[in-house]
Amino acid sequence: MSTAISAQHWAFGIYFIVGISICLAMIGIAALLGGRAFGRAKGKPFESGVDSVGSARLRFSAKFYLVAMFFVIFDVEALYLFAWSVSVRENGWIGFIEASIFIVLLLVGLIYLWRIGALDWAPVKKLDNTQGGHRH
């Protein structure tokens, strides 16, 4: 019993050492064989053939983050529904009812987000207080 456990530890230790050695070898070979050209354009940021303009510190609207969160939420929903669909015969009617409740709760959440305007991307138009005329 003790021999089997120590053999597992040795195997893990050897695996760990070999993994670290391979990583260090790749970094070392890249440092030895890599290019050594230096110049003014070498340190300049370059993205898809276009020189960068302006600062990288841009402010994004919070709606971008909301869409990312909605995507993650509904993507996880799809993941759970896929797992449910694979085991639908084993779960029977109780599994069907549970999945239906899950879908209804997510639909309620989507309707709530839609009602509060979280899915509206168009800018809100300001109302004209002058009723169509200009103030002088």
Protein backbone atom coordinates (compact mmCIF):
# COMPACT_ATOMS: atom_id res chain seq x y z
CA MET A 1 0.00 0.00 0.00
CA SER A 2 2.73 2.44 0.97
CA THR A 3 4.81 1.50 -2.09
CA ALA A 4 1.93 2.28 -4.47
CA ILE A 5 1.43 5.72 -2.88
CA SER A 6 5.11 6.59 -3.02
CA ALA A 7 5.24 5.42 -6.67
CA GLN A 8 2.41 7.85 -7.47
CA HIS A 9 4.27 10.68 -5.74
CA TRP A 10 7.47 9.88 -7.66
CA ALA A 11 5.54 9.80 -10.93
CA PHE A 12 4.01 13.20 -10.19
CA GLY A 13 7.40 14.60 -9.16
CA ILE A 14 9.05 13.39 -12.37
CA TYR A 15 6.15 14.77 -14.44
CA PHE A 16 6.46 18.15 -12.70
CA ILE A 17 10.25 18.33 -13.18
CA VAL A 18 10.02 17.33 -16.86
CA GLY A 19 7.29 19.90 -17.47
CA ILE A 20 9.28 22.73 -15.87
CA SER A 21 12.43 21.60 -17.74
CA ILE A 22 10.64 21.70 -21.10
CA CYS A 23 9.29 25.20 -20.38
CA LEU A 24 12.72 26.48 -19.35
CA ALA A 25 14.33 24.87 -22.41
CA MET A 26 11.82 26.57 -24.75
CA ILE A 27 12.40 29.96 -23.12
CA GLY A 28 16.18 29.48 -23.24
CA ILE A 29 16.23 28.40 -26.89
CA ALA A 30 13.99 31.35 -27.85
CA ALA A 31 16.34 33.74 -26.02
CA LEU A 32 19.38 32.28 -27.82
CA LEU A 33 17.90 32.03 -31.30
CA GLY A 34 15.55 35.02 -31.20
CA GLY A 35 16.12 38.22 -33.12
CA ARG A 36 18.21 40.96 -31.60
CA ALA A 37 17.24 43.87 -33.84
CA PHE A 38 16.71 47.15 -32.04
CA GLY A 39 15.41 50.33 -33.51
CA ARG A 40 12.93 53.14 -33.20
CA ALA A 41 10.09 51.17 -34.83
CA LYS A 42 10.85 47.96 -32.91
CA GLY A 43 9.28 49.12 -29.63
CA LYS A 44 6.28 50.78 -31.29
CA PRO A 45 2.89 49.07 -30.82
CA PHE A 46 1.58 47.47 -34.00
CA GLU A 47 -1.84 45.88 -34.52
CA SER A 48 -2.97 44.18 -37.72
CA GLY A 49 -0.87 46.36 -40.01
CA VAL A 50 -2.18 49.63 -38.58
CA ASP A 51 -0.11 52.00 -36.47
CA SER A 52 -1.78 52.82 -33.18
CA VAL A 53 -3.16 56.31 -32.68
CA GLY A 54 -4.08 57.88 -29.37
CA SER A 55 -4.07 56.44 -25.89
CA ALA A 56 -4.88 52.87 -24.93
CA ARG A 57 -6.87 54.20 -21.99
CA LEU A 58 -10.27 54.47 -23.62
CA ARG A 59 -13.49 54.73 -21.69
CA PHE A 60 -16.14 52.23 -22.67
CA SER A 61 -19.81 52.46 -21.96
CA ALA A 62 -21.11 50.20 -19.21
CA LYS A 63 -23.43 48.64 -21.80
CA PHE A 64 -20.46 46.73 -23.23
CA TYR A 65 -19.95 45.07 -19.86
CA LEU A 66 -23.68 44.42 -19.49
CA VAL A 67 -23.77 42.64 -22.83
CA ALA A 68 -20.77 40.55 -21.77
CA MET A 69 -22.54 39.56 -18.55
CA PHE A 70 -25.77 38.74 -20.42
CA PHE A 71 -23.79 36.60 -22.84
CA VAL A 72 -22.17 34.65 -20.02
CA ILE A 73 -25.49 34.17 -18.24
CA PHE A 74 -27.33 32.92 -21.30
CA ASP A 75 -24.35 30.89 -22.46
CA VAL A 76 -24.38 29.06 -19.12
CA GLU A 77 -28.11 28.54 -19.65
CA ALA A 78 -27.36 26.83 -22.96
CA LEU A 79 -24.75 24.67 -21.24
CA TYR A 80 -27.23 23.47 -18.61
CA LEU A 81 -29.92 22.85 -21.21
CA PHE A 82 -27.51 20.83 -23.33
CA ALA A 83 -26.61 18.68 -20.31
CA TRP A 84 -30.31 18.24 -19.60
CA SER A 85 -31.08 17.27 -23.21
CA VAL A 86 -28.41 14.55 -23.13
CA SER A 87 -30.01 12.93 -20.09
CA VAL A 88 -33.67 13.64 -20.86
CA ARG A 89 -34.72 9.96 -20.90
CA GLU A 90 -33.09 9.25 -17.55
CA ASN A 91 -34.62 12.31 -15.87
CA GLY A 92 -38.20 11.64 -16.98
CA TRP A 93 -41.03 14.04 -16.29
CA ILE A 94 -39.45 15.44 -13.11
CA GLY A 95 -36.38 16.49 -15.08
CA PHE A 96 -38.63 18.01 -17.74
CA ILE A 97 -40.51 20.03 -15.12
CA GLU A 98 -37.25 21.20 -13.52
CA ALA A 99 -35.86 22.25 -16.92
CA SER A 100 -39.12 24.06 -17.70
CA ILE A 101 -38.92 25.96 -14.41
CA PHE A 102 -35.31 26.86 -15.21
CA ILE A 103 -36.27 28.16 -18.67
CA VAL A 104 -39.21 30.14 -17.27
CA LEU A 105 -36.99 31.79 -14.65
CA LEU A 106 -34.48 32.77 -17.31
CA LEU A 107 -37.26 34.15 -19.51
CA VAL A 108 -38.55 36.19 -16.58
CA GLY A 109 -35.02 37.57 -16.12
CA LEU A 110 -34.78 38.41 -19.82
CA ILE A 111 -38.16 40.15 -19.78
CA TYR A 112 -37.09 42.12 -16.71
CA LEU A 113 -33.88 43.23 -18.44
CA TRP A 114 -35.85 44.20 -21.51
CA ARG A 115 -38.42 46.17 -19.45
CA ILE A 116 -35.83 48.21 -17.54
CA GLY A 117 -34.10 49.08 -20.82
CA ALA A 118 -30.87 47.20 -20.21
CA LEU A 119 -30.99 45.85 -23.77
CA ASP A 120 -31.55 49.24 -25.44
CA TRP A 121 -28.51 50.40 -27.37
CA ALA A 122 -29.89 53.48 -29.05
CA PRO A 123 -29.10 56.76 -27.30
CA VAL A 124 -31.97 58.31 -25.42
CA LYS A 125 -33.40 61.31 -27.25
CA LYS A 126 -33.70 64.43 -25.15
CA LEU A 127 -37.12 66.04 -25.06
CA ASP A 128 -37.37 69.58 -26.40
CA ASN A 129 -38.85 71.76 -23.66
CA THR A 130 -39.73 74.57 -26.06
CA GLN A 131 -42.47 72.58 -27.84
CA GLY A 132 -40.92 72.87 -31.28
CA GLY A 133 -40.02 76.56 -31.11
CA HIS A 134 -36.80 78.38 -30.39
CA ARG A 135 -36.34 80.55 -27.34
CA HIS A 136 -35.07 84.07 -27.87
